[in-house]
N, C-alpha and C. Protein backbone atom coordinates (compact mmCIF):
# COMPACT_ATOMS: atom_id res chain seq x y z
N UNK A 1 60.88 104.27 123.06
CA UNK A 1 59.88 103.37 122.53
C UNK A 1 60.39 101.92 122.54
N UNK A 2 61.65 101.77 122.21
CA UNK A 2 62.19 100.41 122.16
C UNK A 2 62.12 99.73 123.52
N UNK A 3 62.30 100.49 124.59
CA UNK A 3 62.21 99.91 125.93
C UNK A 3 60.82 99.35 126.20
N UNK A 4 59.80 100.06 125.75
CA UNK A 4 58.42 99.57 125.91
C UNK A 4 58.28 98.21 125.24
N UNK A 5 58.81 98.09 124.05
CA UNK A 5 58.69 96.84 123.30
C UNK A 5 59.44 95.71 123.98
N UNK A 6 60.61 96.01 124.52
CA UNK A 6 61.37 94.99 125.25
C UNK A 6 60.56 94.49 126.44
N UNK A 7 59.93 95.43 127.16
CA UNK A 7 59.13 95.05 128.33
C UNK A 7 57.89 94.25 127.92
N UNK A 8 57.26 94.61 126.82
CA UNK A 8 56.10 93.86 126.34
C UNK A 8 56.50 92.43 125.98
N UNK A 9 57.64 92.28 125.33
CA UNK A 9 58.11 90.94 124.99
C UNK A 9 58.41 90.13 126.25
N UNK A 10 58.95 90.80 127.25
CA UNK A 10 59.21 90.12 128.53
C UNK A 10 57.90 89.69 129.20
N UNK A 11 56.89 90.56 129.16
CA UNK A 11 55.58 90.22 129.74
C UNK A 11 54.99 89.00 129.04
N UNK A 12 55.16 88.94 127.74
CA UNK A 12 54.64 87.80 126.98
C UNK A 12 55.42 86.52 127.35
N UNK A 13 56.73 86.63 127.46
CA UNK A 13 57.55 85.48 127.84
C UNK A 13 57.17 84.95 129.22
N UNK A 14 56.80 85.86 130.14
CA UNK A 14 56.42 85.47 131.50
C UNK A 14 54.97 85.00 131.60
N UNK A 15 54.21 85.16 130.52
CA UNK A 15 52.82 84.72 130.54
C UNK A 15 51.83 85.71 131.13
N UNK A 16 52.28 86.93 131.40
CA UNK A 16 51.35 87.95 131.90
C UNK A 16 50.34 88.33 130.84
N UNK A 17 50.77 88.29 129.58
CA UNK A 17 49.88 88.46 128.44
C UNK A 17 50.15 87.33 127.47
N UNK A 18 49.14 86.92 126.75
CA UNK A 18 49.31 85.84 125.77
C UNK A 18 49.83 86.37 124.45
N UNK A 19 49.40 87.58 124.11
CA UNK A 19 49.81 88.18 122.85
C UNK A 19 49.54 89.68 122.94
N UNK A 20 50.33 90.45 122.22
CA UNK A 20 50.11 91.89 122.17
C UNK A 20 50.32 92.37 120.74
N UNK A 21 49.80 93.54 120.45
CA UNK A 21 50.09 94.23 119.20
C UNK A 21 49.84 95.71 119.43
N UNK A 22 50.67 96.52 118.80
CA UNK A 22 50.46 97.96 118.85
C UNK A 22 49.28 98.28 117.94
N UNK A 23 48.38 99.09 118.46
CA UNK A 23 47.24 99.57 117.69
C UNK A 23 47.18 101.08 117.81
N UNK A 24 46.05 101.65 117.45
CA UNK A 24 45.85 103.08 117.61
C UNK A 24 46.75 103.91 116.72
N UNK A 25 46.90 105.17 117.10
CA UNK A 25 47.67 106.12 116.31
C UNK A 25 49.13 105.74 116.14
N UNK A 26 49.73 105.14 117.16
CA UNK A 26 51.13 104.74 117.04
C UNK A 26 51.31 103.67 115.97
N UNK A 27 50.34 102.79 115.82
CA UNK A 27 50.44 101.76 114.78
C UNK A 27 50.40 102.37 113.39
N UNK A 28 49.64 103.45 113.25
CA UNK A 28 49.56 104.12 111.94
C UNK A 28 50.94 104.58 111.50
N UNK A 29 51.78 104.97 112.47
CA UNK A 29 53.13 105.46 112.17
C UNK A 29 53.97 104.39 111.46
N UNK A 30 53.67 103.13 111.66
CA UNK A 30 54.40 102.06 111.00
C UNK A 30 54.06 101.97 109.50
N UNK A 31 52.98 102.65 109.09
CA UNK A 31 52.51 102.56 107.70
C UNK A 31 52.48 103.90 106.98
N UNK A 32 52.41 105.00 107.72
CA UNK A 32 52.24 106.32 107.11
C UNK A 32 53.15 107.31 107.81
N UNK A 33 53.18 108.53 107.31
CA UNK A 33 54.01 109.57 107.92
C UNK A 33 53.62 109.76 109.38
N UNK A 34 54.60 110.14 110.20
CA UNK A 34 54.31 110.34 111.62
C UNK A 34 53.14 111.31 111.85
N UNK A 35 52.35 110.97 112.85
CA UNK A 35 51.20 111.78 113.23
C UNK A 35 51.25 112.02 114.72
N UNK A 36 50.56 113.04 115.16
CA UNK A 36 50.52 113.33 116.58
C UNK A 36 49.66 112.29 117.29
N UNK A 37 50.21 111.69 118.32
CA UNK A 37 49.44 110.76 119.14
C UNK A 37 49.89 110.94 120.58
N UNK A 38 48.96 110.81 121.50
CA UNK A 38 49.24 111.08 122.90
C UNK A 38 49.78 109.88 123.66
N UNK A 39 49.52 108.68 123.16
CA UNK A 39 49.93 107.50 123.91
C UNK A 39 50.18 106.33 122.96
N UNK A 40 50.67 105.26 123.53
CA UNK A 40 50.90 104.02 122.79
C UNK A 40 49.83 103.04 123.24
N UNK A 41 48.92 102.70 122.33
CA UNK A 41 47.86 101.75 122.64
C UNK A 41 48.38 100.34 122.39
N UNK A 42 48.38 99.53 123.44
CA UNK A 42 48.81 98.15 123.34
C UNK A 42 47.59 97.27 123.56
N UNK A 43 47.15 96.62 122.49
CA UNK A 43 46.05 95.67 122.60
C UNK A 43 46.63 94.34 123.08
N UNK A 44 45.96 93.71 124.03
CA UNK A 44 46.48 92.49 124.62
C UNK A 44 45.41 91.41 124.73
N UNK A 45 45.88 90.18 124.62
CA UNK A 45 45.08 89.01 125.00
C UNK A 45 45.62 88.57 126.35
N UNK A 46 44.73 88.50 127.32
CA UNK A 46 45.13 88.12 128.68
C UNK A 46 44.92 86.64 128.90
N UNK A 47 45.67 86.05 129.82
CA UNK A 47 45.44 84.64 130.15
C UNK A 47 44.02 84.46 130.68
N UNK A 48 43.40 83.33 130.39
CA UNK A 48 42.03 83.10 130.87
C UNK A 48 41.99 82.99 132.39
N UNK A 49 40.88 83.46 132.96
CA UNK A 49 40.65 83.34 134.40
C UNK A 49 39.21 82.89 134.61
N UNK A 50 38.88 82.56 135.84
CA UNK A 50 37.52 82.18 136.18
C UNK A 50 36.62 83.39 136.40
N UNK A 51 37.22 84.56 136.51
CA UNK A 51 36.47 85.78 136.81
C UNK A 51 35.99 86.46 135.53
N UNK A 52 34.78 86.98 135.54
CA UNK A 52 34.31 87.74 134.38
C UNK A 52 34.88 89.17 134.35
N UNK A 53 35.57 89.55 135.41
CA UNK A 53 36.13 90.89 135.52
C UNK A 53 37.55 90.89 134.96
N UNK A 54 37.83 91.86 134.10
CA UNK A 54 39.17 92.01 133.53
C UNK A 54 40.04 92.77 134.52
N UNK A 55 41.14 92.16 134.90
CA UNK A 55 42.05 92.76 135.88
C UNK A 55 43.39 93.03 135.21
N UNK A 56 43.76 94.32 135.20
CA UNK A 56 45.03 94.71 134.59
C UNK A 56 46.13 94.95 135.62
N UNK A 57 45.81 94.76 136.88
CA UNK A 57 46.76 95.01 137.96
C UNK A 57 48.10 94.32 137.75
N UNK A 58 48.13 93.05 137.34
CA UNK A 58 49.45 92.42 137.14
C UNK A 58 50.31 93.14 136.09
N UNK A 59 49.68 93.74 135.10
CA UNK A 59 50.44 94.46 134.07
C UNK A 59 51.05 95.73 134.66
N UNK A 60 50.23 96.46 135.41
CA UNK A 60 50.74 97.68 136.04
C UNK A 60 51.81 97.35 137.08
N UNK A 61 51.60 96.28 137.85
CA UNK A 61 52.60 95.85 138.84
C UNK A 61 53.93 95.54 138.17
N UNK A 62 53.88 94.89 137.02
CA UNK A 62 55.09 94.53 136.27
C UNK A 62 55.93 95.79 136.01
N UNK A 63 55.27 96.84 135.55
CA UNK A 63 55.99 98.08 135.24
C UNK A 63 56.46 98.79 136.51
N UNK A 64 55.61 98.81 137.53
CA UNK A 64 56.01 99.48 138.78
C UNK A 64 57.20 98.79 139.42
N UNK A 65 57.28 97.46 139.33
CA UNK A 65 58.41 96.72 139.88
C UNK A 65 59.72 97.09 139.18
N UNK A 66 59.60 97.63 137.97
CA UNK A 66 60.78 98.03 137.21
C UNK A 66 61.02 99.53 137.28
N UNK A 67 60.30 100.19 138.20
CA UNK A 67 60.54 101.60 138.46
C UNK A 67 59.72 102.58 137.63
N UNK A 68 58.74 102.09 136.88
CA UNK A 68 57.92 102.99 136.06
C UNK A 68 56.66 103.36 136.82
N UNK A 69 56.16 104.55 136.52
CA UNK A 69 55.05 105.10 137.27
C UNK A 69 53.73 104.95 136.52
N UNK A 70 52.69 104.59 137.26
CA UNK A 70 51.34 104.53 136.71
C UNK A 70 50.71 105.90 136.86
N UNK A 71 50.16 106.41 135.76
CA UNK A 71 49.49 107.71 135.76
C UNK A 71 48.08 107.51 135.20
N UNK A 72 47.12 107.32 136.09
CA UNK A 72 45.75 107.06 135.65
C UNK A 72 45.67 105.71 134.96
N UNK A 73 45.24 105.73 133.70
CA UNK A 73 45.13 104.49 132.92
C UNK A 73 46.42 104.15 132.18
N UNK A 74 47.44 104.99 132.31
CA UNK A 74 48.68 104.82 131.57
C UNK A 74 49.84 104.45 132.47
N UNK A 75 50.86 103.89 131.85
CA UNK A 75 52.15 103.69 132.49
C UNK A 75 53.12 104.60 131.76
N UNK A 76 53.88 105.38 132.51
CA UNK A 76 54.87 106.28 131.93
C UNK A 76 56.19 105.51 131.82
N UNK A 77 56.58 105.21 130.58
CA UNK A 77 57.82 104.49 130.33
C UNK A 77 58.75 105.43 129.57
N UNK A 78 59.65 106.04 130.31
CA UNK A 78 60.66 106.93 129.72
C UNK A 78 60.02 108.01 128.86
N UNK A 79 58.92 108.59 129.38
CA UNK A 79 58.25 109.68 128.69
C UNK A 79 57.14 109.26 127.74
N UNK A 80 57.02 107.97 127.48
CA UNK A 80 55.94 107.46 126.63
C UNK A 80 54.80 106.99 127.53
N UNK A 81 53.59 107.39 127.21
CA UNK A 81 52.43 106.92 127.95
C UNK A 81 51.89 105.67 127.27
N UNK A 82 51.85 104.57 128.02
CA UNK A 82 51.41 103.28 127.49
C UNK A 82 50.06 102.95 128.08
N UNK A 83 49.12 102.57 127.21
CA UNK A 83 47.78 102.19 127.66
C UNK A 83 47.48 100.78 127.18
N UNK A 84 47.03 99.93 128.10
CA UNK A 84 46.67 98.56 127.77
C UNK A 84 45.18 98.46 127.48
N UNK A 85 44.87 97.83 126.36
CA UNK A 85 43.48 97.64 125.95
C UNK A 85 43.25 96.15 125.72
N UNK A 86 42.59 95.47 126.64
CA UNK A 86 42.28 94.07 126.41
C UNK A 86 41.38 93.94 125.18
N UNK A 87 41.72 93.02 124.30
CA UNK A 87 40.90 92.81 123.10
C UNK A 87 39.48 92.47 123.55
N UNK A 88 38.53 93.33 123.21
CA UNK A 88 37.18 93.19 123.75
C UNK A 88 36.14 92.70 122.79
N UNK A 89 36.50 92.54 121.52
CA UNK A 89 35.53 92.04 120.55
C UNK A 89 36.25 91.19 119.51
N UNK A 90 35.49 90.55 118.66
CA UNK A 90 36.09 89.64 117.68
C UNK A 90 37.04 90.35 116.72
N UNK A 91 36.72 91.58 116.34
CA UNK A 91 37.58 92.32 115.43
C UNK A 91 38.94 92.57 116.08
N UNK A 92 38.96 93.01 117.31
CA UNK A 92 40.23 93.27 118.00
C UNK A 92 41.01 91.98 118.23
N UNK A 93 40.31 90.90 118.57
CA UNK A 93 41.00 89.62 118.76
C UNK A 93 41.63 89.13 117.45
N UNK A 94 40.90 89.28 116.36
CA UNK A 94 41.43 88.90 115.06
C UNK A 94 42.64 89.77 114.70
N UNK A 95 42.54 91.07 114.98
CA UNK A 95 43.64 91.98 114.69
C UNK A 95 44.90 91.57 115.45
N UNK A 96 44.74 91.12 116.67
CA UNK A 96 45.89 90.64 117.45
C UNK A 96 46.47 89.37 116.83
N UNK A 97 45.61 88.45 116.46
CA UNK A 97 46.09 87.18 115.90
C UNK A 97 46.78 87.36 114.55
N UNK A 98 46.34 88.34 113.78
CA UNK A 98 46.88 88.55 112.43
C UNK A 98 47.94 89.66 112.38
N UNK A 99 48.33 90.18 113.54
CA UNK A 99 49.30 91.27 113.58
C UNK A 99 50.60 90.85 112.90
N UNK A 100 51.26 91.83 112.34
CA UNK A 100 52.52 91.61 111.62
C UNK A 100 53.68 91.78 112.58
N UNK A 101 54.62 90.85 112.52
CA UNK A 101 55.83 90.97 113.34
C UNK A 101 56.88 91.70 112.53
N UNK A 102 57.46 92.72 113.15
CA UNK A 102 58.50 93.51 112.51
C UNK A 102 59.52 93.86 113.59
N UNK A 103 60.41 94.78 113.31
CA UNK A 103 61.35 95.21 114.33
C UNK A 103 61.30 96.73 114.45
N UNK A 104 61.59 97.19 115.65
CA UNK A 104 61.77 98.61 115.93
C UNK A 104 63.14 98.70 116.55
N UNK A 105 64.06 99.34 115.87
CA UNK A 105 65.45 99.28 116.32
C UNK A 105 65.92 97.85 116.19
N UNK A 106 66.25 97.24 117.32
CA UNK A 106 66.68 95.83 117.29
C UNK A 106 65.67 94.92 118.00
N UNK A 107 64.51 95.46 118.33
CA UNK A 107 63.53 94.72 119.13
C UNK A 107 62.35 94.29 118.29
N UNK A 108 61.96 93.02 118.43
CA UNK A 108 60.79 92.56 117.70
C UNK A 108 59.54 93.18 118.30
N UNK A 109 58.58 93.42 117.43
CA UNK A 109 57.32 94.05 117.83
C UNK A 109 56.21 93.53 116.91
N UNK A 110 55.02 93.48 117.44
CA UNK A 110 53.85 93.15 116.64
C UNK A 110 53.01 94.40 116.47
N UNK A 111 52.61 94.65 115.24
CA UNK A 111 51.78 95.81 114.90
C UNK A 111 50.57 95.29 114.13
N UNK A 112 49.41 95.84 114.46
CA UNK A 112 48.21 95.45 113.73
C UNK A 112 48.39 95.75 112.24
N UNK A 113 47.83 94.90 111.41
CA UNK A 113 47.83 95.14 109.97
C UNK A 113 47.05 96.41 109.67
N UNK A 114 47.45 97.10 108.63
CA UNK A 114 46.78 98.34 108.25
C UNK A 114 45.28 98.11 108.01
N UNK A 115 44.93 96.97 107.45
CA UNK A 115 43.52 96.69 107.16
C UNK A 115 42.71 96.57 108.45
N UNK A 116 43.28 95.96 109.46
CA UNK A 116 42.59 95.86 110.76
C UNK A 116 42.51 97.23 111.43
N UNK A 117 43.59 98.01 111.32
CA UNK A 117 43.56 99.36 111.88
C UNK A 117 42.42 100.17 111.26
N UNK A 118 42.28 100.07 109.96
CA UNK A 118 41.21 100.79 109.27
C UNK A 118 39.85 100.35 109.81
N UNK A 119 39.65 99.05 109.92
CA UNK A 119 38.35 98.55 110.40
C UNK A 119 38.06 99.00 111.83
N UNK A 120 39.05 98.90 112.70
CA UNK A 120 38.86 99.31 114.10
C UNK A 120 38.58 100.81 114.18
N UNK A 121 39.35 101.58 113.44
CA UNK A 121 39.17 103.04 113.46
C UNK A 121 37.83 103.43 112.85
N UNK A 122 37.39 102.72 111.84
CA UNK A 122 36.07 102.96 111.26
C UNK A 122 34.98 102.67 112.28
N UNK A 123 35.14 101.58 113.00
CA UNK A 123 34.15 101.19 114.01
C UNK A 123 34.05 102.24 115.11
N UNK A 124 35.19 102.76 115.56
CA UNK A 124 35.20 103.77 116.62
C UNK A 124 34.67 105.10 116.07
N UNK A 125 35.18 105.53 114.93
CA UNK A 125 34.62 106.64 114.18
C UNK A 125 34.85 108.05 114.68
N UNK A 126 35.80 108.26 115.59
CA UNK A 126 36.10 109.63 116.02
C UNK A 126 36.78 110.37 114.87
N UNK A 127 36.73 111.71 114.86
CA UNK A 127 37.39 112.46 113.78
C UNK A 127 38.86 112.08 113.59
N UNK A 128 39.61 111.90 114.69
CA UNK A 128 41.03 111.54 114.52
C UNK A 128 41.18 110.13 113.95
N UNK A 129 40.23 109.24 114.24
CA UNK A 129 40.28 107.90 113.65
C UNK A 129 40.06 107.97 112.14
N UNK A 130 39.11 108.79 111.73
CA UNK A 130 38.82 108.94 110.30
C UNK A 130 40.01 109.58 109.58
N UNK A 131 40.71 110.51 110.25
CA UNK A 131 41.91 111.09 109.66
C UNK A 131 43.00 110.03 109.50
N UNK A 132 43.11 109.14 110.48
CA UNK A 132 44.09 108.04 110.38
C UNK A 132 43.75 107.13 109.20
N UNK A 133 42.46 106.87 108.99
CA UNK A 133 42.05 106.03 107.86
C UNK A 133 42.49 106.68 106.55
N UNK A 134 42.25 107.98 106.42
CA UNK A 134 42.66 108.69 105.20
C UNK A 134 44.17 108.56 104.99
N UNK A 135 44.95 108.74 106.05
CA UNK A 135 46.41 108.62 105.95
C UNK A 135 46.81 107.22 105.51
N UNK A 136 46.19 106.22 106.10
CA UNK A 136 46.52 104.84 105.73
C UNK A 136 46.16 104.56 104.27
N UNK A 137 45.00 105.02 103.84
CA UNK A 137 44.58 104.78 102.46
C UNK A 137 45.49 105.47 101.46
N UNK A 138 46.03 106.62 101.84
CA UNK A 138 46.89 107.38 100.94
C UNK A 138 48.33 106.87 100.94
N UNK A 139 48.80 106.35 102.08
CA UNK A 139 50.23 106.08 102.19
C UNK A 139 50.61 104.62 102.40
N UNK A 140 49.71 103.80 102.88
CA UNK A 140 50.07 102.41 103.16
C UNK A 140 49.68 101.52 101.98
N UNK A 141 50.34 100.40 101.90
CA UNK A 141 49.98 99.40 100.90
C UNK A 141 48.82 98.58 101.50
N UNK A 142 47.63 98.78 100.97
CA UNK A 142 46.43 98.15 101.50
C UNK A 142 46.01 97.02 100.58
N UNK A 143 45.73 95.87 101.16
CA UNK A 143 45.13 94.76 100.43
C UNK A 143 43.61 94.99 100.49
N UNK A 144 43.07 95.59 99.43
CA UNK A 144 41.66 96.00 99.45
C UNK A 144 40.71 94.81 99.52
N UNK A 145 41.08 93.69 98.93
CA UNK A 145 40.25 92.49 99.05
C UNK A 145 40.18 92.01 100.49
N UNK A 146 41.33 92.01 101.15
CA UNK A 146 41.38 91.60 102.56
C UNK A 146 40.60 92.57 103.43
N UNK A 147 40.74 93.87 103.16
CA UNK A 147 40.00 94.88 103.90
C UNK A 147 38.50 94.67 103.74
N UNK A 148 38.05 94.45 102.52
CA UNK A 148 36.61 94.24 102.29
C UNK A 148 36.11 93.00 103.03
N UNK A 149 36.93 91.96 103.08
CA UNK A 149 36.57 90.75 103.81
C UNK A 149 36.41 91.04 105.30
N UNK A 150 37.35 91.79 105.86
CA UNK A 150 37.27 92.16 107.28
C UNK A 150 36.01 92.97 107.55
N UNK A 151 35.78 93.97 106.72
CA UNK A 151 34.62 94.84 106.91
C UNK A 151 33.32 94.04 106.83
N UNK A 152 33.25 93.13 105.90
CA UNK A 152 32.04 92.31 105.73
C UNK A 152 31.82 91.40 106.94
N UNK A 153 32.88 90.69 107.35
CA UNK A 153 32.75 89.75 108.47
C UNK A 153 32.41 90.43 109.79
N UNK A 154 32.76 91.70 109.93
CA UNK A 154 32.54 92.40 111.20
C UNK A 154 31.42 93.45 111.11
N UNK A 155 30.61 93.33 110.06
CA UNK A 155 29.42 94.18 109.95
C UNK A 155 29.70 95.65 109.74
N UNK A 156 30.77 95.96 109.04
CA UNK A 156 31.15 97.36 108.85
C UNK A 156 31.02 97.84 107.40
N UNK A 157 30.44 97.02 106.54
CA UNK A 157 30.35 97.37 105.12
C UNK A 157 29.55 98.66 104.91
N UNK A 158 28.41 98.78 105.55
CA UNK A 158 27.59 99.98 105.38
C UNK A 158 28.32 101.22 105.89
N UNK A 159 28.96 101.10 107.03
CA UNK A 159 29.71 102.22 107.59
C UNK A 159 30.86 102.62 106.66
N UNK A 160 31.48 101.63 106.02
CA UNK A 160 32.56 101.89 105.06
C UNK A 160 32.02 102.64 103.85
N UNK A 161 30.86 102.26 103.37
CA UNK A 161 30.26 102.94 102.22
C UNK A 161 29.96 104.40 102.55
N UNK A 162 29.46 104.66 103.75
CA UNK A 162 29.21 106.04 104.19
C UNK A 162 30.52 106.81 104.24
N UNK A 163 31.55 106.19 104.82
CA UNK A 163 32.87 106.84 104.91
C UNK A 163 33.38 107.20 103.51
N UNK A 164 33.30 106.25 102.58
CA UNK A 164 33.78 106.51 101.21
C UNK A 164 32.97 107.60 100.53
N UNK A 165 31.68 107.59 100.74
CA UNK A 165 30.81 108.60 100.15
C UNK A 165 31.16 109.99 100.68
N UNK A 166 31.36 110.09 101.97
CA UNK A 166 31.73 111.38 102.57
C UNK A 166 33.11 111.82 102.14
N UNK A 167 34.02 110.88 101.95
CA UNK A 167 35.39 111.21 101.52
C UNK A 167 35.37 111.80 100.10
N UNK A 168 34.47 111.32 99.27
CA UNK A 168 34.40 111.81 97.87
C UNK A 168 33.88 113.23 97.82
N UNK A 169 33.06 113.63 98.78
CA UNK A 169 32.48 114.97 98.76
C UNK A 169 33.41 116.01 99.37
N UNK A 170 34.52 115.59 99.95
CA UNK A 170 35.46 116.54 100.57
C UNK A 170 36.53 116.96 99.60
């Protein structure tokens, strides 16, 4: 995992990406007990271009030049499957900008705040996302005021109320 982070930091230094943060199930691990996850989701802000089409080829090329193999939408880095997700909406862009810098081993890394993870996972709403929300609420230190602000600004308040209502009945 640390090698992935070193490579991401190198990509940022070279300007291939403007900013990155770990999101998805792997990010939950930074706040709660380890959970099963199939890949490492890396949310990225890409340099601006004149094209409306998002091109990830330079990111995959970067890894291939270093001997790593592309497998479908993933890059296999020493057994870890890495998936790049360009920030596609305001919530994801905000989550990248507000990501927390920490370390993994001796390598700096950015991880989305737990509150942003909850909002993104609520928006997606798959069963595993809802399970991640429960884990975060039970185990992470959540700033509930900040979470409510995020949910309100991104139109997720009603969905949050439904989630809370369903959680109480279980």
